[in-house]
Amino acid sequence: MTAIINIGLKKGVLDSQGKAAHHTLDTLGFKQAVLDVRIGKQIIMKLETSDENEARAQVTKMCEDLLCNTVIEDYEITLEA
C-alpha cells in the first residue's frame, strides 16, 4: 500500500515561501491569474500492510510523532492499494 501525505501550514500561519512565490509570479505577469500561493510538502511512502485501517493508524501516528508539526501544520493522508 502507498501512503501520500500532504502537509501545509494552517490557515492564519504566515507562509513566507508562498508570499515570495506569489510576488514573483506577479512580477512575471501572472498578477491577474493568481490570487494566493501556499507552499507545502508531500511525502510518499510504501507500506508493508495491505489493511487500510492499520495503514491509516500507522501513518497518522507517524505524522503526529515526527512528520508534521501539528502546532502550525495540517496534514491529509491518502492511501492507494
PDB file of N, CA and C in Angstrom:
ATOM      1  N   MET A   1       0.849  -1.179   0.000  1.00  0.00           N
ATOM      2  CA  MET A   1       0.000   0.000   0.000  1.00  0.00           C
ATOM      3  C   MET A   1       0.894   1.241   0.000  1.00  0.00           C
ATOM      4  N   THR A   2       0.441   2.275  -0.647  1.00  0.00           N
ATOM      5  CA  THR A   2       1.161   3.545  -0.701  1.00  0.00           C
ATOM      6  C   THR A   2       0.392   4.599   0.072  1.00  0.00           C
ATOM      7  N   ALA A   3       1.115   5.341   0.904  1.00  0.00           N
ATOM      8  CA  ALA A   3       0.529   6.465   1.636  1.00  0.00           C
ATOM      9  C   ALA A   3       1.084   7.755   1.049  1.00  0.00           C
ATOM     10  N   ILE A   4       0.180   8.684   0.757  1.00  0.00           N
ATOM     11  CA  ILE A   4       0.570  10.007   0.271  1.00  0.00           C
ATOM     12  C   ILE A   4       0.120  11.002   1.330  1.00  0.00           C
ATOM     13  N   ILE A   5       1.075  11.740   1.874  1.00  0.00           N
ATOM     14  CA  ILE A   5       0.793  12.691   2.948  1.00  0.00           C
ATOM     15  C   ILE A   5       1.083  14.089   2.424  1.00  0.00           C
ATOM     16  N   ASN A   6       0.067  14.936   2.423  1.00  0.00           N
ATOM     17  CA  ASN A   6       0.227  16.337   2.033  1.00  0.00           C
ATOM     18  C   ASN A   6       0.207  17.177   3.307  1.00  0.00           C
ATOM     19  N   ILE A   7       1.256  17.977   3.477  1.00  0.00           N
ATOM     20  CA  ILE A   7       1.419  18.792   4.678  1.00  0.00           C
ATOM     21  C   ILE A   7       1.503  20.257   4.266  1.00  0.00           C
ATOM     22  N   GLY A   8       0.752  21.093   4.964  1.00  0.00           N
ATOM     23  CA  GLY A   8       0.780  22.529   4.688  1.00  0.00           C
ATOM     24  C   GLY A   8       0.553  23.322   5.949  1.00  0.00           C
ATOM     25  N   LEU A   9       0.922  24.563   5.898  1.00  0.00           N
ATOM     26  CA  LEU A   9       0.718  25.431   7.053  1.00  0.00           C
ATOM     27  C   LEU A   9      -0.775  25.654   7.294  1.00  0.00           C
ATOM     28  N   LYS A  10      -1.150  25.737   8.567  1.00  0.00           N
ATOM     29  CA  LYS A  10      -2.546  26.004   8.917  1.00  0.00           C
ATOM     30  C   LYS A  10      -2.934  27.402   8.449  1.00  0.00           C
ATOM     31  N   LYS A  11      -4.216  27.584   8.210  1.00  0.00           N
ATOM     32  CA  LYS A  11      -4.713  28.912   7.850  1.00  0.00           C
ATOM     33  C   LYS A  11      -4.374  29.873   8.998  1.00  0.00           C
ATOM     34  N   GLY A  12      -3.937  31.054   8.653  1.00  0.00           N
ATOM     35  CA  GLY A  12      -3.569  32.036   9.661  1.00  0.00           C
ATOM     36  C   GLY A  12      -2.083  32.044   9.987  1.00  0.00           C
ATOM     37  N   VAL A  13      -1.353  31.006   9.571  1.00  0.00           N
ATOM     38  CA  VAL A  13       0.094  30.968   9.769  1.00  0.00           C
ATOM     39  C   VAL A  13       0.746  31.563   8.524  1.00  0.00           C
ATOM     40  N   LEU A  14       1.621  32.518   8.723  1.00  0.00           N
ATOM     41  CA  LEU A  14       2.280  33.195   7.606  1.00  0.00           C
ATOM     42  C   LEU A  14       3.100  32.208   6.790  1.00  0.00           C
ATOM     43  N   ASP A  15       2.850  32.163   5.505  1.00  0.00           N
ATOM     44  CA  ASP A  15       3.584  31.309   4.574  1.00  0.00           C
ATOM     45  C   ASP A  15       4.530  32.199   3.776  1.00  0.00           C
ATOM     46  N   SER A  16       5.732  32.391   4.302  1.00  0.00           N
ATOM     47  CA  SER A  16       6.669  33.312   3.659  1.00  0.00           C
ATOM     48  C   SER A  16       7.111  32.801   2.284  1.00  0.00           C
ATOM     49  N   GLN A  17       7.246  31.476   2.113  1.00  0.00           N
ATOM     50  CA  GLN A  17       7.595  30.939   0.802  1.00  0.00           C
ATOM     51  C   GLN A  17       6.463  31.190  -0.195  1.00  0.00           C
ATOM     52  N   GLY A  18       5.239  30.996   0.240  1.00  0.00           N
ATOM     53  CA  GLY A  18       4.089  31.245  -0.621  1.00  0.00           C
ATOM     54  C   GLY A  18       3.999  32.705  -1.027  1.00  0.00           C
ATOM     55  N   LYS A  19       4.241  33.593  -0.061  1.00  0.00           N
ATOM     56  CA  LYS A  19       4.203  35.037  -0.358  1.00  0.00           C
ATOM     57  C   LYS A  19       5.290  35.406  -1.370  1.00  0.00           C
ATOM     58  N   ALA A  20       6.481  34.851  -1.198  1.00  0.00           N
ATOM     59  CA  ALA A  20       7.582  35.148  -2.124  1.00  0.00           C
ATOM     60  C   ALA A  20       7.260  34.627  -3.529  1.00  0.00           C
ATOM     61  N   ALA A  21       6.716  33.415  -3.605  1.00  0.00           N
ATOM     62  CA  ALA A  21       6.351  32.859  -4.920  1.00  0.00           C
ATOM     63  C   ALA A  21       5.247  33.684  -5.559  1.00  0.00           C
ATOM     64  N   HIS A  22       4.261  34.106  -4.771  1.00  0.00           N
ATOM     65  CA  HIS A  22       3.166  34.923  -5.282  1.00  0.00           C
ATOM     66  C   HIS A  22       3.699  36.243  -5.842  1.00  0.00           C
ATOM     67  N   HIS A  23       4.580  36.886  -5.088  1.00  0.00           N
ATOM     68  CA  HIS A  23       5.158  38.150  -5.537  1.00  0.00           C
ATOM     69  C   HIS A  23       5.923  37.958  -6.856  1.00  0.00           C
ATOM     70  N   THR A  24       6.705  36.890  -6.940  1.00  0.00           N
ATOM     71  CA  THR A  24       7.477  36.631  -8.153  1.00  0.00           C
ATOM     72  C   THR A  24       6.558  36.339  -9.340  1.00  0.00           C
ATOM     73  N   LEU A  25       5.498  35.565  -9.108  1.00  0.00           N
ATOM     74  CA  LEU A  25       4.537  35.309 -10.184  1.00  0.00           C
ATOM     75  C   LEU A  25       3.894  36.607 -10.663  1.00  0.00           C
ATOM     76  N   ASP A  26       3.592  37.508  -9.721  1.00  0.00           N
ATOM     77  CA  ASP A  26       3.050  38.823 -10.098  1.00  0.00           C
ATOM     78  C   ASP A  26       4.016  39.562 -11.022  1.00  0.00           C
ATOM     79  N   THR A  27       5.308  39.550 -10.659  1.00  0.00           N
ATOM     80  CA  THR A  27       6.295  40.285 -11.461  1.00  0.00           C
ATOM     81  C   THR A  27       6.542  39.622 -12.806  1.00  0.00           C
ATOM     82  N   LEU A  28       6.211  38.330 -12.925  1.00  0.00           N
ATOM     83  CA  LEU A  28       6.355  37.634 -14.213  1.00  0.00           C
ATOM     84  C   LEU A  28       5.132  37.784 -15.098  1.00  0.00           C
ATOM     85  N   GLY A  29       4.148  38.560 -14.637  1.00  0.00           N
ATOM     86  CA  GLY A  29       2.987  38.833 -15.471  1.00  0.00           C
ATOM     87  C   GLY A  29       1.751  38.004 -15.154  1.00  0.00           C
ATOM     88  N   PHE A  30       1.758  37.285 -14.055  1.00  0.00           N
ATOM     89  CA  PHE A  30       0.610  36.458 -13.683  1.00  0.00           C
ATOM     90  C   PHE A  30      -0.250  37.106 -12.590  1.00  0.00           C
ATOM     91  N   LYS A  31      -0.190  38.415 -12.472  1.00  0.00           N
ATOM     92  CA  LYS A  31      -0.889  39.134 -11.403  1.00  0.00           C
ATOM     93  C   LYS A  31      -2.386  38.865 -11.402  1.00  0.00           C
ATOM     94  N   GLN A  32      -3.010  38.840 -12.559  1.00  0.00           N
ATOM     95  CA  GLN A  32      -4.457  38.623 -12.640  1.00  0.00           C
ATOM     96  C   GLN A  32      -4.835  37.149 -12.509  1.00  0.00           C
ATOM     97  N   ALA A  33      -3.887  36.244 -12.754  1.00  0.00           N
ATOM     98  CA  ALA A  33      -4.186  34.815 -12.782  1.00  0.00           C
ATOM     99  C   ALA A  33      -4.097  34.150 -11.410  1.00  0.00           C
ATOM    100  N   VAL A  34      -3.285  34.686 -10.501  1.00  0.00           N
ATOM    101  CA  VAL A  34      -3.024  34.019  -9.217  1.00  0.00           C
ATOM    102  C   VAL A  34      -3.505  34.885  -8.074  1.00  0.00           C
ATOM    103  N   LEU A  35      -4.414  34.348  -7.271  1.00  0.00           N
ATOM    104  CA  LEU A  35      -4.931  35.083  -6.116  1.00  0.00           C
ATOM    105  C   LEU A  35      -4.101  34.862  -4.858  1.00  0.00           C
ATOM    106  N   ASP A  36      -3.595  33.645  -4.666  1.00  0.00           N
ATOM    107  CA  ASP A  36      -2.823  33.323  -3.461  1.00  0.00           C
ATOM    108  C   ASP A  36      -1.971  32.094  -3.743  1.00  0.00           C
ATOM    109  N   VAL A  37      -0.870  31.967  -3.023  1.00  0.00           N
ATOM    110  CA  VAL A  37       0.010  30.806  -3.147  1.00  0.00           C
ATOM    111  C   VAL A  37       0.329  30.301  -1.749  1.00  0.00           C
ATOM    112  N   ARG A  38       0.163  29.006  -1.549  1.00  0.00           N
ATOM    113  CA  ARG A  38       0.556  28.337  -0.307  1.00  0.00           C
ATOM    114  C   ARG A  38       1.487  27.202  -0.714  1.00  0.00           C
ATOM    115  N   ILE A  39       2.610  27.081  -0.045  1.00  0.00           N
ATOM    116  CA  ILE A  39       3.580  26.045  -0.372  1.00  0.00           C
ATOM    117  C   ILE A  39       3.643  25.058   0.784  1.00  0.00           C
ATOM    118  N   GLY A  40       3.599  23.781   0.440  1.00  0.00           N
ATOM    119  CA  GLY A  40       3.669  22.724   1.438  1.00  0.00           C
ATOM    120  C   GLY A  40       4.641  21.658   1.002  1.00  0.00           C
ATOM    121  N   LYS A  41       4.471  20.479   1.577  1.00  0.00           N
ATOM    122  CA  LYS A  41       5.332  19.363   1.198  1.00  0.00           C
ATOM    123  C   LYS A  41       4.496  18.104   1.059  1.00  0.00           C
ATOM    124  N   GLN A  42       5.010  17.159   0.294  1.00  0.00           N
ATOM    125  CA  GLN A  42       4.332  15.887   0.088  1.00  0.00           C
ATOM    126  C   GLN A  42       5.317  14.771   0.404  1.00  0.00           C
ATOM    127  N   ILE A  43       4.837  13.792   1.156  1.00  0.00           N
ATOM    128  CA  ILE A  43       5.637  12.619   1.493  1.00  0.00           C
ATOM    129  C   ILE A  43       4.910  11.404   0.926  1.00  0.00           C
ATOM    130  N   ILE A  44       5.638  10.570   0.192  1.00  0.00           N
ATOM    131  CA  ILE A  44       5.068   9.348  -0.372  1.00  0.00           C
ATOM    132  C   ILE A  44       5.850   8.181   0.216  1.00  0.00           C
ATOM    133  N   MET A  45       5.127   7.237   0.812  1.00  0.00           N
ATOM    134  CA  MET A  45       5.817   6.079   1.387  1.00  0.00           C
ATOM    135  C   MET A  45       5.094   4.784   1.061  1.00  0.00           C
ATOM    136  N   LYS A  46       5.892   3.750   0.851  1.00  0.00           N
ATOM    137  CA  LYS A  46       5.363   2.405   0.631  1.00  0.00           C
ATOM    138  C   LYS A  46       5.242   1.736   1.993  1.00  0.00           C
ATOM    139  N   LEU A  47       4.108   1.095   2.218  1.00  0.00           N
ATOM    140  CA  LEU A  47       3.850   0.435   3.494  1.00  0.00           C
ATOM    141  C   LEU A  47       3.771  -1.077   3.299  1.00  0.00           C
ATOM    142  N   GLU A  48       4.126  -1.820   4.328  1.00  0.00           N
ATOM    143  CA  GLU A  48       4.068  -3.290   4.274  1.00  0.00           C
ATOM    144  C   GLU A  48       2.639  -3.803   4.314  1.00  0.00           C
ATOM    145  N   THR A  49       1.795  -3.148   5.078  1.00  0.00           N
ATOM    146  CA  THR A  49       0.442  -3.645   5.299  1.00  0.00           C
ATOM    147  C   THR A  49      -0.465  -3.401   4.100  1.00  0.00           C
ATOM    148  N   SER A  50      -1.455  -4.253   3.948  1.00  0.00           N
ATOM    149  CA  SER A  50      -2.484  -4.023   2.922  1.00  0.00           C
ATOM    150  C   SER A  50      -3.823  -3.701   3.573  1.00  0.00           C
ATOM    151  N   ASP A  51      -3.840  -3.635   4.903  1.00  0.00           N
ATOM    152  CA  ASP A  51      -5.045  -3.305   5.657  1.00  0.00           C
ATOM    153  C   ASP A  51      -5.159  -1.782   5.774  1.00  0.00           C
ATOM    154  N   GLU A  52      -6.214  -1.221   5.188  1.00  0.00           N
ATOM    155  CA  GLU A  52      -6.348   0.242   5.140  1.00  0.00           C
ATOM    156  C   GLU A  52      -6.449   0.870   6.529  1.00  0.00           C
ATOM    157  N   ASN A  53      -7.186   0.259   7.428  1.00  0.00           N
ATOM    158  CA  ASN A  53      -7.336   0.815   8.783  1.00  0.00           C
ATOM    159  C   ASN A  53      -6.001   0.823   9.525  1.00  0.00           C
ATOM    160  N   GLU A  54      -5.257  -0.263   9.407  1.00  0.00           N
ATOM    161  CA  GLU A  54      -3.940  -0.343  10.052  1.00  0.00           C
ATOM    162  C   GLU A  54      -2.990   0.688   9.448  1.00  0.00           C
ATOM    163  N   ALA A  55      -3.000   0.791   8.131  1.00  0.00           N
ATOM    164  CA  ALA A  55      -2.132   1.748   7.446  1.00  0.00           C
ATOM    165  C   ALA A  55      -2.446   3.176   7.883  1.00  0.00           C
ATOM    166  N   ARG A  56      -3.738   3.524   7.909  1.00  0.00           N
ATOM    167  CA  ARG A  56      -4.115   4.883   8.302  1.00  0.00           C
ATOM    168  C   ARG A  56      -3.679   5.170   9.739  1.00  0.00           C
ATOM    169  N   ALA A  57      -3.857   4.198  10.627  1.00  0.00           N
ATOM    170  CA  ALA A  57      -3.459   4.385  12.029  1.00  0.00           C
ATOM    171  C   ALA A  57      -1.944   4.579  12.143  1.00  0.00           C
ATOM    172  N   GLN A  58      -1.176   3.766  11.417  1.00  0.00           N
ATOM    173  CA  GLN A  58       0.283   3.883  11.464  1.00  0.00           C
ATOM    174  C   GLN A  58       0.760   5.227  10.911  1.00  0.00           C
ATOM    175  N   VAL A  59       0.211   5.620   9.773  1.00  0.00           N
ATOM    176  CA  VAL A  59       0.655   6.872   9.138  1.00  0.00           C
ATOM    177  C   VAL A  59       0.228   8.075   9.984  1.00  0.00           C
ATOM    178  N   THR A  60      -0.941   8.009  10.568  1.00  0.00           N
ATOM    179  CA  THR A  60      -1.376   9.096  11.460  1.00  0.00           C
ATOM    180  C   THR A  60      -0.406   9.242  12.622  1.00  0.00           C
ATOM    181  N   LYS A  61      -0.004   8.132  13.221  1.00  0.00           N
ATOM    182  CA  LYS A  61       0.957   8.171  14.333  1.00  0.00           C
ATOM    183  C   LYS A  61       2.287   8.746  13.860  1.00  0.00           C
ATOM    184  N   MET A  62       2.735   8.344  12.662  1.00  0.00           N
ATOM    185  CA  MET A  62       3.982   8.888  12.112  1.00  0.00           C
ATOM    186  C   MET A  62       3.897  10.402  11.950  1.00  0.00           C
ATOM    187  N   CYS A  63       2.759  10.869  11.449  1.00  0.00           N
ATOM    188  CA  CYS A  63       2.566  12.313  11.253  1.00  0.00           C
ATOM    189  C   CYS A  63       2.569  13.046  12.587  1.00  0.00           C
ATOM    190  N   GLU A  64       1.834  12.516  13.541  1.00  0.00           N
ATOM    191  CA  GLU A  64       1.720  13.160  14.849  1.00  0.00           C
ATOM    192  C   GLU A  64       3.050  13.168  15.604  1.00  0.00           C
ATOM    193  N   ASP A  65       3.845  12.086  15.462  1.00  0.00           N
ATOM    194  CA  ASP A  65       5.087  11.961  16.223  1.00  0.00           C
ATOM    195  C   ASP A  65       6.300  12.595  15.560  1.00  0.00           C
ATOM    196  N   LEU A  66       6.322  12.655  14.213  1.00  0.00           N
ATOM    197  CA  LEU A  66       7.535  13.102  13.546  1.00  0.00           C
ATOM    198  C   LEU A  66       7.328  13.977  12.316  1.00  0.00           C
ATOM    199  N   LEU A  67       6.480  13.553  11.412  1.00  0.00           N
ATOM    200  CA  LEU A  67       6.451  14.151  10.077  1.00  0.00           C
ATOM    201  C   LEU A  67       5.804  15.525  10.011  1.00  0.00           C
ATOM    202  N   CYS A  68       4.928  15.829  10.939  1.00  0.00           N
ATOM    203  CA  CYS A  68       4.155  17.075  10.880  1.00  0.00           C
ATOM    204  C   CYS A  68       4.275  17.832  12.198  1.00  0.00           C
ATOM    205  N   ASN A  69       4.484  19.118  12.117  1.00  0.00           N
ATOM    206  CA  ASN A  69       4.440  19.970  13.303  1.00  0.00           C
ATOM    207  C   ASN A  69       2.988  20.405  13.469  1.00  0.00           C
ATOM    208  N   THR A  70       2.242  19.672  14.270  1.00  0.00           N
ATOM    209  CA  THR A  70       0.794  19.889  14.364  1.00  0.00           C
ATOM    210  C   THR A  70       0.416  21.217  15.011  1.00  0.00           C
ATOM    211  N   VAL A  71       1.383  21.922  15.556  1.00  0.00           N
ATOM    212  CA  VAL A  71       1.095  23.251  16.114  1.00  0.00           C
ATOM    213  C   VAL A  71       0.810  24.236  14.980  1.00  0.00           C
ATOM    214  N   ILE A  72       1.575  24.126  13.887  1.00  0.00           N
ATOM    215  CA  ILE A  72       1.438  25.092  12.792  1.00  0.00           C
ATOM    216  C   ILE A  72       1.066  24.460  11.458  1.00  0.00           C
ATOM    217  N   GLU A  73       1.037  23.109  11.394  1.00  0.00           N
ATOM    218  CA  GLU A  73       0.759  22.442  10.113  1.00  0.00           C
ATOM    219  C   GLU A  73      -0.438  21.512  10.209  1.00  0.00           C
ATOM    220  N   ASP A  74      -1.141  21.386   9.100  1.00  0.00           N
ATOM    221  CA  ASP A  74      -2.197  20.384   8.922  1.00  0.00           C
ATOM    222  C   ASP A  74      -1.677  19.338   7.954  1.00  0.00           C
ATOM    223  N   TYR A  75      -2.249  18.138   8.031  1.00  0.00           N
ATOM    224  CA  TYR A  75      -1.859  17.107   7.081  1.00  0.00           C
ATOM    225  C   TYR A  75      -3.093  16.340   6.616  1.00  0.00           C
ATOM    226  N   GLU A  76      -2.955  15.764   5.423  1.00  0.00           N
ATOM    227  CA  GLU A  76      -4.015  14.953   4.822  1.00  0.00           C
ATOM    228  C   GLU A  76      -3.377  13.675   4.291  1.00  0.00           C
ATOM    229  N   ILE A  77      -3.987  12.543   4.630  1.00  0.00           N
ATOM    230  CA  ILE A  77      -3.445  11.250   4.236  1.00  0.00           C
ATOM    231  C   ILE A  77      -4.342  10.642   3.152  1.00  0.00           C
ATOM    232  N   THR A  78      -3.715  10.180   2.064  1.00  0.00           N
ATOM    233  CA  THR A  78      -4.404   9.436   1.018  1.00  0.00           C
ATOM    234  C   THR A  78      -3.722   8.082   0.908  1.00  0.00           C
ATOM    235  N   LEU A  79      -4.520   7.019   0.892  1.00  0.00           N
ATOM    236  CA  LEU A  79      -3.971   5.672   0.771  1.00  0.00           C
ATOM    237  C   LEU A  79      -4.364   5.087  -0.577  1.00  0.00           C
ATOM    238  N   GLU A  80      -3.384   4.420  -1.216  1.00  0.00           N
ATOM    239  CA  GLU A  80      -3.624   3.767  -2.508  1.00  0.00           C
ATOM    240  C   GLU A  80      -3.164   2.322  -2.404  1.00  0.00           C
ATOM    241  N   ALA A  81      -3.967   1.433  -2.948  1.00  0.00           N
ATOM    242  CA  ALA A  81      -3.630  -0.004  -2.906  1.00  0.00           C
ATOM    243  C   ALA A  81      -2.439  -0.306  -3.785  1.00  0.00           C
TER     244      ALA A  81
END
